[in-house]
């Protein structure tokens, strides 16, 4: 195989921003932010809005995710001037 054409496959932390749930897995995604976990190691952190800890299908609860701010930001950015 050719060298240096494949992305780096490493351990990263995915952090749910709505419930502060974190889990370590392996991924090719990269990040400039890092986090130190309970095991003392430092990992790159990928922030996600929804995970199994906050998704209504997995929790059985209706959680309202605020999308109004994103819609207004889009409208303001692309409105006709």
Protein backbone atom coordinates (compact mmCIF):
# COMPACT_ATOMS: atom_id res chain seq x y z
CA UNK A 1 0.00 0.00 0.00
CA UNK A 2 1.04 3.61 -0.50
CA UNK A 3 2.34 5.44 2.56
CA UNK A 4 0.81 8.61 3.98
CA UNK A 5 -2.49 8.44 2.08
CA UNK A 6 -4.67 7.01 4.84
CA UNK A 7 -6.10 9.12 7.68
CA UNK A 8 -4.81 8.57 11.19
CA UNK A 9 -7.02 6.09 13.09
CA UNK A 10 -6.78 6.85 16.80
CA UNK A 11 -8.68 7.01 20.06
CA UNK A 12 -10.85 10.11 20.47
CA UNK A 13 -13.46 11.29 22.96
CA UNK A 14 -16.96 12.16 21.77
CA UNK A 15 -18.67 14.62 24.12
CA UNK A 16 -22.42 15.24 24.07
CA UNK A 17 -22.83 18.98 24.63
CA UNK A 18 -26.42 18.72 25.85
CA UNK A 19 -25.85 16.08 28.55
CA UNK A 20 -22.06 16.28 29.10
CA UNK A 21 -21.81 12.54 28.41
CA UNK A 22 -18.37 11.44 27.18
CA UNK A 23 -17.13 8.20 25.67
CA UNK A 24 -13.87 7.01 24.16
CA UNK A 25 -13.84 5.31 20.78
CA UNK A 26 -11.59 5.08 17.75
CA UNK A 27 -12.07 7.40 14.79
CA UNK A 28 -10.31 9.15 11.95
CA UNK A 29 -11.86 12.50 12.93
CA UNK A 30 -9.46 15.10 14.20
CA UNK A 31 -9.78 18.03 16.56
CA UNK A 32 -7.66 20.87 17.90
CA UNK A 33 -9.27 20.54 21.33
CA UNK A 34 -8.11 17.94 23.84
CA UNK A 35 -9.49 16.55 27.08
CA UNK A 36 -7.96 14.52 29.91
CA UNK A 37 -10.13 11.57 30.89
CA UNK A 38 -10.31 9.63 34.18
CA UNK A 39 -7.56 7.25 33.03
CA UNK A 40 -5.09 10.18 32.96
CA UNK A 41 -4.59 10.13 29.18
CA UNK A 42 -5.20 13.14 26.93
CA UNK A 43 -7.42 12.59 23.89
CA UNK A 44 -8.74 14.80 21.08
CA UNK A 45 -12.37 15.72 21.78
CA UNK A 46 -15.18 15.84 19.20
CA UNK A 47 -18.28 17.70 20.39
CA UNK A 48 -21.68 16.41 19.22
CA UNK A 49 -25.17 17.79 19.88
CA UNK A 50 -26.99 14.46 20.20
CA UNK A 51 -25.79 11.06 21.41
CA UNK A 52 -27.42 8.01 22.94
CA UNK A 53 -27.41 9.84 26.30
CA UNK A 54 -29.66 12.65 25.03
CA UNK A 55 -31.59 11.22 22.05
CA UNK A 56 -35.30 10.69 22.84
CA UNK A 57 -35.30 7.25 21.20
CA UNK A 58 -32.73 5.95 23.68
CA UNK A 59 -33.80 7.91 26.77
CA UNK A 60 -37.57 7.56 26.37
CA UNK A 61 -37.98 11.26 27.15
CA UNK A 62 -38.94 14.12 24.89
CA UNK A 63 -36.02 16.50 24.85
CA UNK A 64 -36.48 19.78 23.03
CA UNK A 65 -33.39 20.74 21.05
CA UNK A 66 -33.23 24.46 20.44
CA UNK A 67 -32.92 24.96 16.69
CA UNK A 68 -34.44 28.45 16.60
CA UNK A 69 -31.08 30.09 17.11
CA UNK A 70 -29.58 28.26 14.16
CA UNK A 71 -32.53 29.06 11.90
CA UNK A 72 -32.40 32.77 12.77
CA UNK A 73 -28.64 32.82 12.23
CA UNK A 74 -29.14 31.26 8.77
CA UNK A 75 -31.89 33.73 7.85
CA UNK A 76 -29.81 36.70 8.98
CA UNK A 77 -26.80 35.53 7.04
CA UNK A 78 -28.60 34.87 3.75
CA UNK A 79 -31.32 37.51 3.73
CA UNK A 80 -31.50 39.76 0.72
CA UNK A 81 -29.77 43.07 1.27
